[in-house]
Each structure stands twice: as structure tokens, then as C-alpha cells.
N, C-alpha and C. Protein backbone atom coordinates (compact mmCIF):
# COMPACT_ATOMS: atom_id res chain seq x y z
N MET A 1 6.57 15.24 18.15
CA MET A 1 7.12 16.17 17.16
C MET A 1 6.47 17.66 17.07
N ASN A 2 6.53 18.58 16.05
CA ASN A 2 5.67 19.72 16.50
C ASN A 2 4.75 20.00 15.25
N ALA A 3 4.43 21.02 14.88
CA ALA A 3 3.38 21.44 13.59
C ALA A 3 3.98 21.22 12.21
N LYS A 4 5.26 20.99 12.31
CA LYS A 4 5.83 20.86 10.87
C LYS A 4 5.92 19.00 10.65
N THR A 5 5.32 18.67 11.28
CA THR A 5 5.40 16.67 11.61
C THR A 5 4.49 16.56 10.76
N PRO A 6 4.80 15.79 9.48
CA PRO A 6 4.02 15.28 8.40
C PRO A 6 2.82 13.97 9.12
N LEU A 7 1.99 13.72 8.46
CA LEU A 7 0.99 12.75 8.32
C LEU A 7 1.82 11.62 7.72
N PRO A 8 1.35 10.26 8.84
CA PRO A 8 1.61 9.26 8.39
C PRO A 8 0.84 8.63 6.58
N ARG A 9 1.48 7.85 6.04
CA ARG A 9 0.89 7.73 4.80
C ARG A 9 -0.40 7.31 5.03
N ALA A 10 -1.33 7.36 4.35
CA ALA A 10 -2.83 6.87 4.48
C ALA A 10 -2.90 5.22 4.25
N GLU A 11 -2.17 4.48 3.88
CA GLU A 11 -2.22 3.06 3.74
C GLU A 11 -1.66 2.46 5.28
N MET A 12 -0.68 3.17 5.70
CA MET A 12 0.28 2.59 6.92
C MET A 12 -1.31 3.06 8.20
N THR A 13 -1.83 1.44 8.28
CA THR A 13 -3.34 1.68 9.67
C THR A 13 -2.56 0.54 10.08
N PRO A 14 -3.28 0.50 11.39
CA PRO A 14 -2.92 -0.36 12.70
C PRO A 14 -3.01 -1.78 11.73
N GLU A 15 -4.35 -1.93 10.57
CA GLU A 15 -4.65 -3.29 10.13
C GLU A 15 -3.97 -3.64 9.43
N ALA A 16 -3.04 -2.91 8.21
CA ALA A 16 -1.94 -3.09 7.29
C ALA A 16 -0.89 -3.80 8.03
N PHE A 17 -0.85 -2.95 9.39
CA PHE A 17 0.23 -3.41 9.71
C PHE A 17 0.67 -4.85 10.50
N ASN A 18 -0.46 -4.96 11.31
CA ASN A 18 -1.06 -6.36 11.85
C ASN A 18 -0.82 -7.25 10.51
N GLY A 19 -1.54 -7.06 9.26
CA GLY A 19 -1.71 -8.44 8.45
C GLY A 19 0.33 -8.28 8.22
N ARG A 20 0.81 -7.79 8.36
CA ARG A 20 2.10 -7.61 7.60
C ARG A 20 2.93 -8.48 8.43
N CYS A 21 2.24 -8.64 9.72
CA CYS A 21 3.13 -9.44 11.25
C CYS A 21 2.68 -11.02 11.02
N VAL A 22 1.55 -11.14 10.54
CA VAL A 22 1.23 -12.58 9.94
C VAL A 22 2.27 -13.07 9.01
N GLY A 23 2.74 -14.74 9.66
CA GLY A 23 3.66 -15.03 8.81
C GLY A 23 5.14 -14.78 9.41
N HIS A 24 5.27 -13.60 9.82
CA HIS A 24 6.42 -13.08 10.34
C HIS A 24 7.12 -13.15 12.06
N PHE A 25 8.36 -12.71 12.40
CA PHE A 25 9.06 -12.61 13.85
C PHE A 25 7.87 -11.88 14.74
N PRO A 26 7.30 -10.78 14.15
CA PRO A 26 6.22 -9.92 14.88
C PRO A 26 4.77 -10.68 14.98
N GLY A 27 4.91 -11.70 14.79
CA GLY A 27 3.00 -12.40 14.55
C GLY A 27 4.04 -13.32 15.40
N LEU A 28 5.32 -14.22 14.79
CA LEU A 28 5.43 -14.91 16.20
C LEU A 28 5.44 -15.21 17.50
N VAL A 29 5.81 -13.64 17.78
CA VAL A 29 5.98 -13.46 19.36
C VAL A 29 4.34 -12.96 19.72
N GLY A 30 3.75 -12.10 18.56
CA GLY A 30 2.45 -11.86 19.44
C GLY A 30 2.17 -10.70 19.24
N MET A 31 2.81 -9.50 18.46
CA MET A 31 2.18 -8.00 18.68
C MET A 31 1.59 -7.76 18.29
N ARG A 32 1.22 -6.61 18.39
CA ARG A 32 0.27 -6.12 17.94
C ARG A 32 -0.20 -4.42 17.83
N ILE A 33 -0.20 -4.12 16.27
CA ILE A 33 -0.37 -2.32 16.56
C ILE A 33 -2.04 -2.04 16.47
N VAL A 34 -2.00 -0.88 17.69
CA VAL A 34 -3.01 -0.05 18.03
C VAL A 34 -3.57 0.79 17.88
N ALA A 35 -2.51 1.61 17.34
CA ALA A 35 -2.57 3.29 16.58
C ALA A 35 -1.03 3.55 15.76
N VAL A 36 -1.79 4.10 14.98
CA VAL A 36 -0.66 4.90 13.82
C VAL A 36 -0.83 6.61 13.93
N SER A 37 -0.41 7.53 14.11
CA SER A 37 -0.39 8.64 14.48
C SER A 37 0.30 9.52 13.66
N PRO A 38 0.38 10.78 13.87
CA PRO A 38 1.30 11.70 13.83
C PRO A 38 2.23 11.88 14.92
N GLU A 39 1.27 11.24 15.78
CA GLU A 39 2.76 11.39 17.35
C GLU A 39 3.59 9.92 16.85
N GLY A 40 2.86 9.28 16.55
CA GLY A 40 4.12 7.87 16.49
C GLY A 40 2.70 6.21 16.39
N VAL A 41 3.69 5.25 17.09
CA VAL A 41 3.03 4.37 16.79
C VAL A 41 3.02 3.47 17.93
N ASP A 42 1.85 2.74 18.45
CA ASP A 42 1.69 2.43 19.69
C ASP A 42 1.06 0.76 19.31
N SER A 43 1.56 0.27 20.30
CA SER A 43 1.49 -1.26 20.26
C SER A 43 1.35 -1.94 21.41
N GLU A 44 1.38 -3.72 21.55
CA GLU A 44 1.14 -4.36 22.68
C GLU A 44 1.67 -5.86 22.02
N LEU A 45 1.83 -6.26 23.58
CA LEU A 45 2.22 -7.89 23.62
C LEU A 45 1.81 -8.15 24.73
N ALA A 46 0.60 -9.27 24.64
CA ALA A 46 0.29 -10.11 25.82
C ALA A 46 1.60 -11.14 26.17
N LEU A 47 2.32 -10.52 27.43
CA LEU A 47 2.98 -12.23 28.22
C LEU A 47 2.30 -13.03 27.96
N ARG A 48 3.83 -14.27 27.95
CA ARG A 48 3.24 -15.58 27.97
C ARG A 48 4.49 -16.47 28.27
N PRO A 49 4.46 -17.51 28.79
CA PRO A 49 5.92 -18.02 29.32
C PRO A 49 6.74 -18.50 28.28
N GLU A 50 6.46 -18.79 27.03
CA GLU A 50 7.22 -18.27 25.83
C GLU A 50 8.30 -17.31 25.78
N LEU A 51 7.93 -16.30 26.49
CA LEU A 51 8.05 -14.44 26.07
C LEU A 51 9.78 -14.64 26.99
N LEU A 52 9.54 -15.56 28.17
CA LEU A 52 10.39 -15.31 28.79
C LEU A 52 12.01 -15.85 29.04
N ALA A 53 12.83 -15.54 29.47
CA ALA A 53 14.07 -15.70 29.78
C ALA A 53 13.91 -17.47 30.50
N PRO A 54 14.97 -18.36 30.19
CA PRO A 54 14.78 -19.73 30.95
C PRO A 54 14.84 -19.68 32.84
N ASN A 55 15.58 -18.09 33.10
CA ASN A 55 15.39 -17.91 34.36
C ASN A 55 14.37 -17.35 35.11
N GLY A 56 13.38 -17.03 33.62
CA GLY A 56 12.04 -16.75 34.63
C GLY A 56 11.95 -15.64 34.15
N TYR A 57 12.63 -14.72 33.83
CA TYR A 57 12.03 -13.37 33.85
C TYR A 57 11.44 -12.93 32.45
N LEU A 58 11.47 -11.92 32.21
CA LEU A 58 11.10 -10.99 30.82
C LEU A 58 12.70 -11.36 29.80
N HIS A 59 12.31 -11.84 28.66
CA HIS A 59 13.57 -12.13 27.96
C HIS A 59 13.79 -10.73 27.04
N ALA A 60 15.39 -10.34 27.19
CA ALA A 60 15.20 -9.05 26.71
C ALA A 60 15.00 -8.59 24.97
N ALA A 61 15.00 -9.62 24.75
CA ALA A 61 14.50 -10.14 23.29
C ALA A 61 12.76 -10.03 22.76
N THR A 62 12.67 -9.94 23.86
CA THR A 62 11.02 -9.50 23.96
C THR A 62 10.56 -8.31 23.31
N VAL A 63 11.59 -7.48 24.63
CA VAL A 63 11.18 -6.16 24.77
C VAL A 63 11.79 -5.62 23.57
N ILE A 64 12.89 -6.05 22.68
CA ILE A 64 13.72 -5.41 21.61
C ILE A 64 12.72 -5.66 20.39
N ALA A 65 11.84 -6.91 20.59
CA ALA A 65 11.01 -7.40 19.14
C ALA A 65 9.49 -6.15 19.46
N LEU A 66 8.90 -6.22 20.40
CA LEU A 66 7.98 -5.10 20.09
C LEU A 66 8.48 -3.55 19.72
N ALA A 67 9.86 -3.16 20.76
CA ALA A 67 10.52 -1.26 20.67
C ALA A 67 10.71 -1.27 19.11
N ASP A 68 11.64 -2.16 18.42
CA ASP A 68 12.74 -2.15 17.11
C ASP A 68 11.12 -2.41 16.29
N THR A 69 10.21 -3.22 16.00
CA THR A 69 8.93 -3.13 15.14
C THR A 69 8.37 -1.85 15.27
N SER A 70 8.14 -2.05 16.22
CA SER A 70 6.73 -0.34 16.39
C SER A 70 7.39 0.59 15.87
N CYS A 71 8.91 1.26 15.94
CA CYS A 71 9.77 2.23 15.41
C CYS A 71 9.59 1.63 13.60
N GLY A 72 10.14 0.67 13.24
CA GLY A 72 9.88 0.24 11.92
C GLY A 72 8.96 0.46 11.56
N TYR A 73 7.72 0.26 12.21
CA TYR A 73 6.45 0.76 11.08
C TYR A 73 6.64 1.88 11.29
N GLY A 74 6.72 2.71 12.43
CA GLY A 74 6.94 4.31 12.17
C GLY A 74 7.58 4.38 11.38
N CYS A 75 9.10 4.04 11.03
CA CYS A 75 9.58 4.55 10.15
C CYS A 75 8.56 4.71 8.62
N MET A 76 8.29 3.09 8.22
CA MET A 76 7.85 2.64 7.26
C MET A 76 6.47 3.91 7.08
N ALA A 77 5.74 4.62 8.07
CA ALA A 77 4.53 5.03 7.92
C ALA A 77 5.07 6.64 7.67
N PHE A 78 6.73 7.18 7.84
CA PHE A 78 7.06 8.13 7.63
C PHE A 78 7.89 7.92 6.46
N LEU A 79 7.84 7.14 5.96
CA LEU A 79 9.31 8.00 4.89
C LEU A 79 9.05 8.55 3.46
N PRO A 80 10.03 9.05 3.08
CA PRO A 80 9.64 10.33 2.91
C PRO A 80 9.39 9.76 0.86
N GLN A 81 8.54 10.60 0.40
CA GLN A 81 8.01 10.37 -0.99
C GLN A 81 9.16 9.63 -1.90
N GLY A 82 8.93 8.84 -2.16
CA GLY A 82 10.01 8.11 -3.72
C GLY A 82 11.10 7.33 -3.04
N ALA A 83 11.10 6.89 -1.27
CA ALA A 83 12.35 6.14 -0.57
C ALA A 83 11.28 4.56 -1.20
N SER A 84 12.58 3.93 -1.31
CA SER A 84 12.27 2.50 -0.99
C SER A 84 11.90 1.67 0.36
N GLY A 85 12.42 2.43 1.04
CA GLY A 85 12.49 1.14 2.57
C GLY A 85 13.62 1.97 3.38
N PHE A 86 13.79 1.05 3.94
CA PHE A 86 14.77 1.29 5.14
C PHE A 86 15.66 0.35 5.84
N THR A 87 16.45 0.41 6.22
CA THR A 87 17.07 -0.58 7.39
C THR A 87 17.69 0.50 8.67
N THR A 88 18.17 -0.76 9.44
CA THR A 88 18.28 0.07 11.41
C THR A 88 20.13 -0.22 11.14
N VAL A 89 20.42 0.66 11.66
CA VAL A 89 21.90 1.18 11.64
C VAL A 89 21.91 1.07 13.08
N GLU A 90 21.23 1.51 13.95
CA GLU A 90 21.80 1.36 15.51
C GLU A 90 20.45 1.52 15.98
N LEU A 91 20.54 0.62 17.18
CA LEU A 91 19.67 0.53 18.14
C LEU A 91 20.42 0.48 19.95
N LYS A 92 19.44 0.93 20.61
CA LYS A 92 19.92 0.72 22.03
C LYS A 92 18.78 0.73 23.05
N ALA A 93 18.92 -0.18 23.69
CA ALA A 93 17.58 -0.51 24.66
C ALA A 93 18.25 -0.25 26.32
N ASN A 94 17.86 0.73 26.95
CA ASN A 94 17.85 0.96 28.71
C ASN A 94 16.74 0.03 29.33
N TYR A 95 17.18 -1.00 30.37
CA TYR A 95 15.83 -1.52 30.97
C TYR A 95 16.15 -0.80 32.29
N LEU A 96 14.68 -0.74 32.67
CA LEU A 96 14.38 -0.04 34.30
C LEU A 96 13.97 -1.29 34.86
N GLY A 97 13.41 -1.88 34.44
CA GLY A 97 12.25 -3.24 35.31
C GLY A 97 12.07 -4.56 34.43
N THR A 98 11.06 -5.32 35.01
CA THR A 98 10.72 -6.46 33.94
C THR A 98 9.38 -6.42 34.63
N ALA A 99 8.89 -7.51 34.02
CA ALA A 99 7.48 -8.22 34.18
C ALA A 99 7.04 -9.32 33.59
N LEU A 100 6.54 -10.30 34.35
CA LEU A 100 6.53 -11.90 33.88
C LEU A 100 5.10 -12.32 33.54
N GLU A 101 3.94 -11.22 33.58
CA GLU A 101 2.54 -11.22 33.12
C GLU A 101 2.09 -9.86 32.98
N GLY A 102 0.91 -9.95 31.94
CA GLY A 102 0.39 -8.60 31.81
C GLY A 102 0.90 -8.84 30.18
N ILE A 103 0.23 -7.49 30.37
CA ILE A 103 0.57 -6.70 28.51
C ILE A 103 1.43 -5.66 28.53
N LEU A 104 2.50 -6.02 27.79
CA LEU A 104 3.41 -4.80 27.42
C LEU A 104 2.86 -3.86 26.25
N ARG A 105 3.01 -2.54 26.85
CA ARG A 105 2.82 -1.39 25.53
C ARG A 105 3.65 -0.91 25.30
N CYS A 106 3.93 -0.25 23.97
CA CYS A 106 5.21 0.40 23.67
C CYS A 106 4.23 1.74 22.71
N ARG A 107 4.90 2.78 23.00
CA ARG A 107 4.89 3.86 22.67
C ARG A 107 5.96 4.46 21.67
N ALA A 108 6.05 4.47 20.23
CA ALA A 108 7.48 4.72 19.59
C ALA A 108 6.88 6.28 18.91
N THR A 109 8.03 7.14 19.31
CA THR A 109 8.00 7.99 18.53
C THR A 109 8.51 8.78 17.94
N PRO A 110 8.52 9.60 17.23
CA PRO A 110 9.38 10.29 15.63
C PRO A 110 10.26 11.11 16.42
N VAL A 111 12.15 11.29 16.73
CA VAL A 111 12.78 12.30 16.89
C VAL A 111 13.14 12.99 15.73
N HIS A 112 13.00 12.57 14.41
CA HIS A 112 14.05 12.77 13.50
C HIS A 112 13.75 12.22 12.38
N LEU A 113 12.76 13.03 11.38
CA LEU A 113 12.43 12.53 10.22
C LEU A 113 12.64 13.11 8.92
N GLY A 114 14.39 12.42 8.63
CA GLY A 114 14.80 13.21 7.52
C GLY A 114 14.91 12.35 6.35
N ARG A 115 15.89 12.77 5.11
CA ARG A 115 15.93 12.06 3.91
C ARG A 115 16.54 10.78 3.70
N THR A 116 17.24 10.86 4.55
CA THR A 116 18.71 9.95 4.47
C THR A 116 18.87 9.40 6.07
N THR A 117 18.12 9.69 7.42
CA THR A 117 18.21 8.97 8.35
C THR A 117 16.49 9.46 9.63
N GLN A 118 16.19 8.36 10.20
CA GLN A 118 15.25 8.80 11.09
C GLN A 118 15.78 8.02 12.53
N VAL A 119 15.50 9.01 13.41
CA VAL A 119 15.26 8.54 14.85
C VAL A 119 14.12 8.36 15.52
N TRP A 120 14.18 7.20 16.34
CA TRP A 120 12.96 6.98 16.63
C TRP A 120 13.11 6.85 18.39
N ASP A 121 12.58 7.35 19.12
CA ASP A 121 12.32 6.86 20.74
C ASP A 121 11.07 5.43 20.89
N ALA A 122 10.93 4.76 21.91
CA ALA A 122 10.54 4.46 21.93
C ALA A 122 9.94 3.77 23.59
N MET A 123 9.13 3.68 24.06
CA MET A 123 9.28 3.46 25.91
C MET A 123 8.66 2.39 26.02
N VAL A 124 8.22 1.43 26.32
CA VAL A 124 7.91 -0.05 26.71
C VAL A 124 7.46 -0.23 28.21
N SER A 125 6.67 -0.22 28.26
CA SER A 125 5.82 -0.34 30.28
C SER A 125 4.71 -1.77 30.16
N VAL A 126 4.09 -1.86 31.00
CA VAL A 126 3.44 -2.58 31.73
C VAL A 126 1.92 -2.07 31.64
N ALA A 127 1.16 -2.52 30.99
CA ALA A 127 -0.33 -1.70 31.12
C ALA A 127 -1.05 -1.86 32.29
N GLY A 128 -0.91 -0.43 32.64
CA GLY A 128 -1.43 -0.11 33.71
C GLY A 128 -0.68 -0.43 35.20
N ALA A 129 0.78 0.03 34.32
CA ALA A 129 1.75 0.70 35.42
C ALA A 129 1.77 2.26 34.91
N ALA A 130 2.83 2.52 35.87
CA ALA A 130 2.90 3.72 35.80
C ALA A 130 4.52 4.51 35.40
N LYS A 131 5.59 3.63 35.61
CA LYS A 131 6.47 3.80 35.01
C LYS A 131 7.15 2.66 33.82
N PRO A 132 8.06 3.35 32.99
CA PRO A 132 8.09 2.22 31.79
C PRO A 132 9.55 1.37 32.56
N ILE A 133 9.33 -0.04 31.78
CA ILE A 133 10.20 -0.92 32.23
C ILE A 133 11.82 -0.76 31.12
N ALA A 134 11.26 -0.02 29.71
CA ALA A 134 12.46 0.15 29.08
C ALA A 134 12.24 1.24 28.22
N LEU A 135 13.82 1.97 27.95
CA LEU A 135 13.59 2.92 27.07
C LEU A 135 14.78 2.31 25.80
N PHE A 136 14.02 2.77 24.67
CA PHE A 136 14.79 2.14 23.54
C PHE A 136 15.06 3.51 22.42
N ARG A 137 16.27 3.44 21.79
CA ARG A 137 16.14 4.17 20.39
C ARG A 137 16.73 3.65 19.85
N CYS A 138 16.38 3.76 18.16
CA CYS A 138 16.88 3.59 17.07
C CYS A 138 17.37 4.53 15.85
N THR A 139 17.94 4.19 15.12
CA THR A 139 18.30 4.83 13.94
C THR A 139 18.38 4.05 12.73
N GLN A 140 17.34 4.92 11.92
CA GLN A 140 17.10 3.56 10.93
C GLN A 140 17.71 4.99 9.18
N LEU A 141 18.00 4.09 8.64
CA LEU A 141 19.32 4.36 7.27
C LEU A 141 17.45 5.14 6.56
N VAL A 142 17.73 5.68 5.70
CA VAL A 142 16.18 6.09 4.63
C VAL A 142 16.96 5.28 2.92
N LEU A 143 16.08 4.33 2.70
CA LEU A 143 16.93 3.72 1.17
C LEU A 143 16.37 4.09 -0.01
N TRP A 144 17.32 4.40 -1.21
CA TRP A 144 16.61 4.66 -2.06
C TRP A 144 16.66 4.13 -3.13
N PRO A 145 15.87 4.12 -4.34
CA PRO A 145 15.75 3.56 -5.91
C PRO A 145 16.89 3.46 -6.03
N LYS A 146 18.06 2.59 -6.56
CA LYS A 146 19.13 2.91 -7.35
C LYS A 146 18.87 3.36 -9.06
């Protein structure tokens, strides 16, 4: 973003988000938030056989789980004051490669942090690899109390 990018809410730390993962889908797949900063959210997910499709390749939903959750936690960290939450209204992924082992890394970055919508991009790669295996974009609708 730029010099006007707000800081994430102080209570939105990797530890807080990792605690939210426990007992829910992100925890089930094994994702972990590594960093939350004005630049975005970094996360990782160790690959294991259960996260592969029956054909032996990385399941597309594994990548979506990592990217969408990272962007969602980013949205939570940057919600405008007084907002009650958010919901995803659109997501898109482009797959550029695959992985069978290793650690997936995701970097989610804010593109637009508005009062009614947020747009987030994420890049998913394998730790140690130079090029991404997926590019992801989502739009979040900011929710307000009635």
C-alpha cells in the first residue's frame, strides 16, 4: 500500500489468529499465521497426504483455504472502526503450478481498504521456490451493526 495504509488493530496478532484457528477449518488443515503487519498477513501450511487430491496432486481447496483465510484475517485486522465483521463476496484463483511436499507460504496484501469493501491479493508459493504456484484475489463486504 502506501504511507496512508493504516496499522492493523493491535489485538490482531499471529497468536490471536492462530488461537482462532483451533477447532475450526483453518486449524483442521493445519495453517498457521506467521506475521501481521501494515503490509499484510503471512501464513504457512505444511503439506501432508491428506491435503492432496485423489489423483496425488495438491488439492485446489488446500490453496484456497490458505489464501482465503489469510486474506480474511487481514480483513479482520484492518476493519474500519465500528464495523462488526465482513463476508466474502467474490474470490478468484489462478493456479500456476503444484506441490506434493514441503511448506506452502502465503502472503496476503491489501489492495483496497474501504468502509464498505476490501480487496485483498494473495500469492501462494512453496518455501524455497522462486515462483508462485497460485495467485488469489478476493473482495470482502464490510458489515456494520444494524
